[in-house]
Amino acid sequence: MAVRWKCPICKKDTEPLSKWFPFCSDRCRVLDLANWADEKYVISRPASSEELRPRPAGDEDADDL
C-alpha cells in the first residue's frame, strides 16, 4: 500500500520526489514560510538542554518506543 501525502497548506496530494515536498508547489512552500514569519505557527514550549543533547545510537528510552 502506497503512502499518500497531502500538502500541509492546500491539502492536495503531493509527490514525495517533488522538489517542493512536502508541499505541492512553490506557492504553498512560500505561504508556509510566510506563516512562520508572521508568527502564525508557534513552538509550544522551549526545548530543554537535555532534549537538544545528541544521544548515542542505541541509547533509547522506553518512552521512545
PDB file of N, CA and C in Angstrom:
ATOM      1  N   MET A   1       0.835  -1.175   0.000  1.00  0.00           N
ATOM      2  CA  MET A   1       0.000   0.000   0.000  1.00  0.00           C
ATOM      3  C   MET A   1       0.885   1.245   0.000  1.00  0.00           C
ATOM      4  N   ALA A   2       0.671   2.119  -0.935  1.00  0.00           N
ATOM      5  CA  ALA A   2       1.465   3.341  -1.056  1.00  0.00           C
ATOM      6  C   ALA A   2       0.978   4.387  -0.050  1.00  0.00           C
ATOM      7  N   VAL A   3       1.932   5.106   0.513  1.00  0.00           N
ATOM      8  CA  VAL A   3       1.598   6.184   1.441  1.00  0.00           C
ATOM      9  C   VAL A   3       1.217   7.408   0.627  1.00  0.00           C
ATOM     10  N   ARG A   4       0.131   8.039   1.008  1.00  0.00           N
ATOM     11  CA  ARG A   4      -0.328   9.248   0.312  1.00  0.00           C
ATOM     12  C   ARG A   4      -0.032  10.438   1.191  1.00  0.00           C
ATOM     13  N   TRP A   5       0.579  11.448   0.619  1.00  0.00           N
ATOM     14  CA  TRP A   5       0.932  12.662   1.345  1.00  0.00           C
ATOM     15  C   TRP A   5       0.055  13.803   0.865  1.00  0.00           C
ATOM     16  N   LYS A   6      -0.367  14.641   1.796  1.00  0.00           N
ATOM     17  CA  LYS A   6      -1.168  15.825   1.478  1.00  0.00           C
ATOM     18  C   LYS A   6      -0.335  17.069   1.778  1.00  0.00           C
ATOM     19  N   CYS A   7      -0.473  18.076   0.948  1.00  0.00           N
ATOM     20  CA  CYS A   7       0.187  19.356   1.167  1.00  0.00           C
ATOM     21  C   CYS A   7      -0.357  19.953   2.468  1.00  0.00           C
ATOM     22  N   PRO A   8       0.518  20.399   3.382  1.00  0.00           N
ATOM     23  CA  PRO A   8       0.022  20.955   4.637  1.00  0.00           C
ATOM     24  C   PRO A   8      -0.718  22.284   4.474  1.00  0.00           C
ATOM     25  N   ILE A   9      -0.583  22.936   3.335  1.00  0.00           N
ATOM     26  CA  ILE A   9      -1.253  24.219   3.112  1.00  0.00           C
ATOM     27  C   ILE A   9      -2.598  24.030   2.413  1.00  0.00           C
ATOM     28  N   CYS A  10      -2.616  23.396   1.253  1.00  0.00           N
ATOM     29  CA  CYS A  10      -3.859  23.310   0.462  1.00  0.00           C
ATOM     30  C   CYS A  10      -4.514  21.923   0.482  1.00  0.00           C
ATOM     31  N   LYS A  11      -3.828  20.942   1.056  1.00  0.00           N
ATOM     32  CA  LYS A  11      -4.343  19.565   1.201  1.00  0.00           C
ATOM     33  C   LYS A  11      -4.423  18.769  -0.098  1.00  0.00           C
ATOM     34  N   LYS A  12      -3.798  19.250  -1.180  1.00  0.00           N
ATOM     35  CA  LYS A  12      -3.733  18.465  -2.417  1.00  0.00           C
ATOM     36  C   LYS A  12      -2.736  17.321  -2.218  1.00  0.00           C
ATOM     37  N   ASP A  13      -2.893  16.252  -3.014  1.00  0.00           N
ATOM     38  CA  ASP A  13      -1.910  15.182  -2.994  1.00  0.00           C
ATOM     39  C   ASP A  13      -0.555  15.720  -3.440  1.00  0.00           C
ATOM     40  N   THR A  14       0.505  15.209  -2.826  1.00  0.00           N
ATOM     41  CA  THR A  14       1.856  15.626  -3.197  1.00  0.00           C
ATOM     42  C   THR A  14       2.678  14.419  -3.612  1.00  0.00           C
ATOM     43  N   GLU A  15       3.746  14.681  -4.310  1.00  0.00           N
ATOM     44  CA  GLU A  15       4.664  13.637  -4.751  1.00  0.00           C
ATOM     45  C   GLU A  15       5.916  13.681  -3.876  1.00  0.00           C
ATOM     46  N   PRO A  16       6.263  12.581  -3.212  1.00  0.00           N
ATOM     47  CA  PRO A  16       7.437  12.569  -2.340  1.00  0.00           C
ATOM     48  C   PRO A  16       8.740  12.935  -3.051  1.00  0.00           C
ATOM     49  N   LEU A  17       8.829  12.741  -4.356  1.00  0.00           N
ATOM     50  CA  LEU A  17      10.056  13.062  -5.082  1.00  0.00           C
ATOM     51  C   LEU A  17      10.041  14.476  -5.662  1.00  0.00           C
ATOM     52  N   SER A  18       8.995  15.232  -5.397  1.00  0.00           N
ATOM     53  CA  SER A  18       8.887  16.601  -5.896  1.00  0.00           C
ATOM     54  C   SER A  18       9.924  17.494  -5.217  1.00  0.00           C
ATOM     55  N   LYS A  19      10.417  18.496  -5.932  1.00  0.00           N
ATOM     56  CA  LYS A  19      11.397  19.408  -5.339  1.00  0.00           C
ATOM     57  C   LYS A  19      10.772  20.286  -4.258  1.00  0.00           C
ATOM     58  N   TRP A  20       9.432  20.325  -4.180  1.00  0.00           N
ATOM     59  CA  TRP A  20       8.764  21.141  -3.172  1.00  0.00           C
ATOM     60  C   TRP A  20       8.255  20.320  -1.986  1.00  0.00           C
ATOM     61  N   PHE A  21       8.454  19.019  -2.023  1.00  0.00           N
ATOM     62  CA  PHE A  21       7.933  18.152  -0.961  1.00  0.00           C
ATOM     63  C   PHE A  21       8.331  18.692   0.406  1.00  0.00           C
ATOM     64  N   PRO A  22       7.421  18.770   1.369  1.00  0.00           N
ATOM     65  CA  PRO A  22       6.115  18.137   1.450  1.00  0.00           C
ATOM     66  C   PRO A  22       4.984  18.979   0.868  1.00  0.00           C
ATOM     67  N   PHE A  23       5.321  20.076   0.215  1.00  0.00           N
ATOM     68  CA  PHE A  23       4.301  20.946  -0.377  1.00  0.00           C
ATOM     69  C   PHE A  23       4.040  20.512  -1.813  1.00  0.00           C
ATOM     70  N   CYS A  24       2.908  20.943  -2.360  1.00  0.00           N
ATOM     71  CA  CYS A  24       2.568  20.558  -3.727  1.00  0.00           C
ATOM     72  C   CYS A  24       3.159  21.524  -4.746  1.00  0.00           C
ATOM     73  N   SER A  25       3.538  22.719  -4.301  1.00  0.00           N
ATOM     74  CA  SER A  25       4.051  23.724  -5.234  1.00  0.00           C
ATOM     75  C   SER A  25       4.919  24.747  -4.489  1.00  0.00           C
ATOM     76  N   ASP A  26       5.612  25.555  -5.264  1.00  0.00           N
ATOM     77  CA  ASP A  26       6.413  26.621  -4.673  1.00  0.00           C
ATOM     78  C   ASP A  26       5.512  27.622  -3.953  1.00  0.00           C
ATOM     79  N   ARG A  27       4.324  27.846  -4.488  1.00  0.00           N
ATOM     80  CA  ARG A  27       3.378  28.779  -3.856  1.00  0.00           C
ATOM     81  C   ARG A  27       3.053  28.340  -2.430  1.00  0.00           C
ATOM     82  N   CYS A  28       2.739  27.080  -2.226  1.00  0.00           N
ATOM     83  CA  CYS A  28       2.414  26.584  -0.892  1.00  0.00           C
ATOM     84  C   CYS A  28       3.640  26.619   0.025  1.00  0.00           C
ATOM     85  N   ARG A  29       4.811  26.360  -0.530  1.00  0.00           N
ATOM     86  CA  ARG A  29       6.042  26.430   0.256  1.00  0.00           C
ATOM     87  C   ARG A  29       6.266  27.850   0.773  1.00  0.00           C
ATOM     88  N   VAL A  30       6.068  28.834  -0.096  1.00  0.00           N
ATOM     89  CA  VAL A  30       6.254  30.236   0.285  1.00  0.00           C
ATOM     90  C   VAL A  30       5.177  30.668   1.288  1.00  0.00           C
ATOM     91  N   LEU A  31       3.946  30.208   1.108  1.00  0.00           N
ATOM     92  CA  LEU A  31       2.890  30.530   2.072  1.00  0.00           C
ATOM     93  C   LEU A  31       3.219  29.972   3.459  1.00  0.00           C
ATOM     94  N   ASP A  32       3.777  28.781   3.508  1.00  0.00           N
ATOM     95  CA  ASP A  32       4.165  28.194   4.789  1.00  0.00           C
ATOM     96  C   ASP A  32       5.275  29.031   5.437  1.00  0.00           C
ATOM     97  N   LEU A  33       6.257  29.435   4.661  1.00  0.00           N
ATOM     98  CA  LEU A  33       7.335  30.278   5.178  1.00  0.00           C
ATOM     99  C   LEU A  33       6.773  31.598   5.708  1.00  0.00           C
ATOM    100  N   ALA A  34       5.829  32.181   4.982  1.00  0.00           N
ATOM    101  CA  ALA A  34       5.200  33.427   5.428  1.00  0.00           C
ATOM    102  C   ALA A  34       4.435  33.221   6.743  1.00  0.00           C
ATOM    103  N   ASN A  35       3.802  32.071   6.906  1.00  0.00           N
ATOM    104  CA  ASN A  35       3.104  31.784   8.165  1.00  0.00           C
ATOM    105  C   ASN A  35       4.071  31.766   9.341  1.00  0.00           C
ATOM    106  N   TRP A  36       5.262  31.188   9.140  1.00  0.00           N
ATOM    107  CA  TRP A  36       6.282  31.208  10.202  1.00  0.00           C
ATOM    108  C   TRP A  36       6.732  32.642  10.461  1.00  0.00           C
ATOM    109  N   ALA A  37       6.971  33.408   9.408  1.00  0.00           N
ATOM    110  CA  ALA A  37       7.438  34.791   9.554  1.00  0.00           C
ATOM    111  C   ALA A  37       6.399  35.663  10.256  1.00  0.00           C
ATOM    112  N   ASP A  38       5.126  35.406   9.995  1.00  0.00           N
ATOM    113  CA  ASP A  38       4.040  36.163  10.626  1.00  0.00           C
ATOM    114  C   ASP A  38       3.680  35.625  12.011  1.00  0.00           C
ATOM    115  N   GLU A  39       4.445  34.628  12.484  1.00  0.00           N
ATOM    116  CA  GLU A  39       4.248  34.002  13.799  1.00  0.00           C
ATOM    117  C   GLU A  39       2.873  33.363  13.956  1.00  0.00           C
ATOM    118  N   LYS A  40       2.338  32.848  12.839  1.00  0.00           N
ATOM    119  CA  LYS A  40       1.084  32.093  12.903  1.00  0.00           C
ATOM    120  C   LYS A  40       1.327  30.701  13.475  1.00  0.00           C
ATOM    121  N   TYR A  41       2.554  30.225  13.360  1.00  0.00           N
ATOM    122  CA  TYR A  41       2.953  28.961  13.956  1.00  0.00           C
ATOM    123  C   TYR A  41       3.819  29.278  15.169  1.00  0.00           C
ATOM    124  N   VAL A  42       3.659  28.514  16.226  1.00  0.00           N
ATOM    125  CA  VAL A  42       4.497  28.695  17.404  1.00  0.00           C
ATOM    126  C   VAL A  42       4.939  27.325  17.911  1.00  0.00           C
ATOM    127  N   ILE A  43       6.056  27.319  18.562  1.00  0.00           N
ATOM    128  CA  ILE A  43       6.534  26.114  19.226  1.00  0.00           C
ATOM    129  C   ILE A  43       5.975  26.168  20.636  1.00  0.00           C
ATOM    130  N   SER A  44       5.311  25.121  21.070  1.00  0.00           N
ATOM    131  CA  SER A  44       4.537  25.151  22.304  1.00  0.00           C
ATOM    132  C   SER A  44       5.363  25.385  23.556  1.00  0.00           C
ATOM    133  N   ARG A  45       6.596  24.918  23.568  1.00  0.00           N
ATOM    134  CA  ARG A  45       7.452  25.131  24.732  1.00  0.00           C
ATOM    135  C   ARG A  45       8.902  25.110  24.292  1.00  0.00           C
ATOM    136  N   PRO A  46       9.765  25.791  25.016  1.00  0.00           N
ATOM    137  CA  PRO A  46      11.184  25.756  24.651  1.00  0.00           C
ATOM    138  C   PRO A  46      11.756  24.349  24.850  1.00  0.00           C
ATOM    139  N   ALA A  47      12.682  23.986  24.028  1.00  0.00           N
ATOM    140  CA  ALA A  47      13.360  22.704  24.173  1.00  0.00           C
ATOM    141  C   ALA A  47      14.343  22.798  25.335  1.00  0.00           C
ATOM    142  N   SER A  48      14.387  21.767  26.151  1.00  0.00           N
ATOM    143  CA  SER A  48      15.334  21.744  27.261  1.00  0.00           C
ATOM    144  C   SER A  48      16.712  21.352  26.734  1.00  0.00           C
ATOM    145  N   SER A  49      17.739  21.661  27.498  1.00  0.00           N
ATOM    146  CA  SER A  49      19.095  21.298  27.086  1.00  0.00           C
ATOM    147  C   SER A  49      19.239  19.787  26.972  1.00  0.00           C
ATOM    148  N   GLU A  50      18.491  19.033  27.789  1.00  0.00           N
ATOM    149  CA  GLU A  50      18.516  17.570  27.720  1.00  0.00           C
ATOM    150  C   GLU A  50      17.978  17.083  26.372  1.00  0.00           C
ATOM    151  N   GLU A  51      16.931  17.725  25.867  1.00  0.00           N
ATOM    152  CA  GLU A  51      16.347  17.335  24.584  1.00  0.00           C
ATOM    153  C   GLU A  51      17.265  17.690  23.414  1.00  0.00           C
ATOM    154  N   LEU A  52      18.074  18.717  23.577  1.00  0.00           N
ATOM    155  CA  LEU A  52      18.948  19.161  22.494  1.00  0.00           C
ATOM    156  C   LEU A  52      20.241  18.366  22.414  1.00  0.00           C
ATOM    157  N   ARG A  53      20.596  17.686  23.490  1.00  0.00           N
ATOM    158  CA  ARG A  53      21.846  16.930  23.519  1.00  0.00           C
ATOM    159  C   ARG A  53      21.696  15.647  22.699  1.00  0.00           C
ATOM    160  N   PRO A  54      22.614  15.416  21.748  1.00  0.00           N
ATOM    161  CA  PRO A  54      22.527  14.172  20.959  1.00  0.00           C
ATOM    162  C   PRO A  54      22.752  12.951  21.837  1.00  0.00           C
ATOM    163  N   ARG A  55      22.024  11.879  21.529  1.00  0.00           N
ATOM    164  CA  ARG A  55      22.185  10.633  22.271  1.00  0.00           C
ATOM    165  C   ARG A  55      22.945   9.635  21.410  1.00  0.00           C
ATOM    166  N   PRO A  56      23.753   8.806  22.033  1.00  0.00           N
ATOM    167  CA  PRO A  56      24.454   7.763  21.262  1.00  0.00           C
ATOM    168  C   PRO A  56      23.457   6.799  20.622  1.00  0.00           C
ATOM    169  N   ALA A  57      23.827   6.250  19.501  1.00  0.00           N
ATOM    170  CA  ALA A  57      22.964   5.276  18.803  1.00  0.00           C
ATOM    171  C   ALA A  57      22.686   4.107  19.721  1.00  0.00           C
ATOM    172  N   GLY A  58      21.442   3.665  19.751  1.00  0.00           N
ATOM    173  CA  GLY A  58      21.067   2.531  20.581  1.00  0.00           C
ATOM    174  C   GLY A  58      20.689   2.923  22.002  1.00  0.00           C
ATOM    175  N   ASP A  59      20.853   4.201  22.373  1.00  0.00           N
ATOM    176  CA  ASP A  59      20.510   4.685  23.709  1.00  0.00           C
ATOM    177  C   ASP A  59      19.094   5.244  23.658  1.00  0.00           C
ATOM    178  N   GLU A  60      18.115   4.354  23.779  1.00  0.00           N
ATOM    179  CA  GLU A  60      16.710   4.749  23.649  1.00  0.00           C
ATOM    180  C   GLU A  60      15.988   4.617  24.971  1.00  0.00           C
ATOM    181  N   ASP A  61      15.135   5.567  25.243  1.00  0.00           N
ATOM    182  CA  ASP A  61      14.273   5.484  26.439  1.00  0.00           C
ATOM    183  C   ASP A  61      13.053   4.652  26.101  1.00  0.00           C
ATOM    184  N   ALA A  62      12.424   4.115  27.115  1.00  0.00           N
ATOM    185  CA  ALA A  62      11.198   3.335  26.899  1.00  0.00           C
ATOM    186  C   ALA A  62      10.097   4.209  26.310  1.00  0.00           C
ATOM    187  N   ASP A  63      10.123   5.522  26.591  1.00  0.00           N
ATOM    188  CA  ASP A  63       9.109   6.428  26.056  1.00  0.00           C
ATOM    189  C   ASP A  63       9.171   6.550  24.545  1.00  0.00           C
ATOM    190  N   ASP A  64      10.344   6.288  23.958  1.00  0.00           N
ATOM    191  CA  ASP A  64      10.527   6.440  22.524  1.00  0.00           C
ATOM    192  C   ASP A  64       9.952   5.282  21.730  1.00  0.00           C
ATOM    193  N   LEU A  65       9.568   4.209  22.370  1.00  0.00           N
ATOM    194  CA  LEU A  65       9.095   3.027  21.641  1.00  0.00           C
ATOM    195  C   LEU A  65       7.682   3.146  21.228  1.00  0.00           C
TER     196      LEU A  65
END
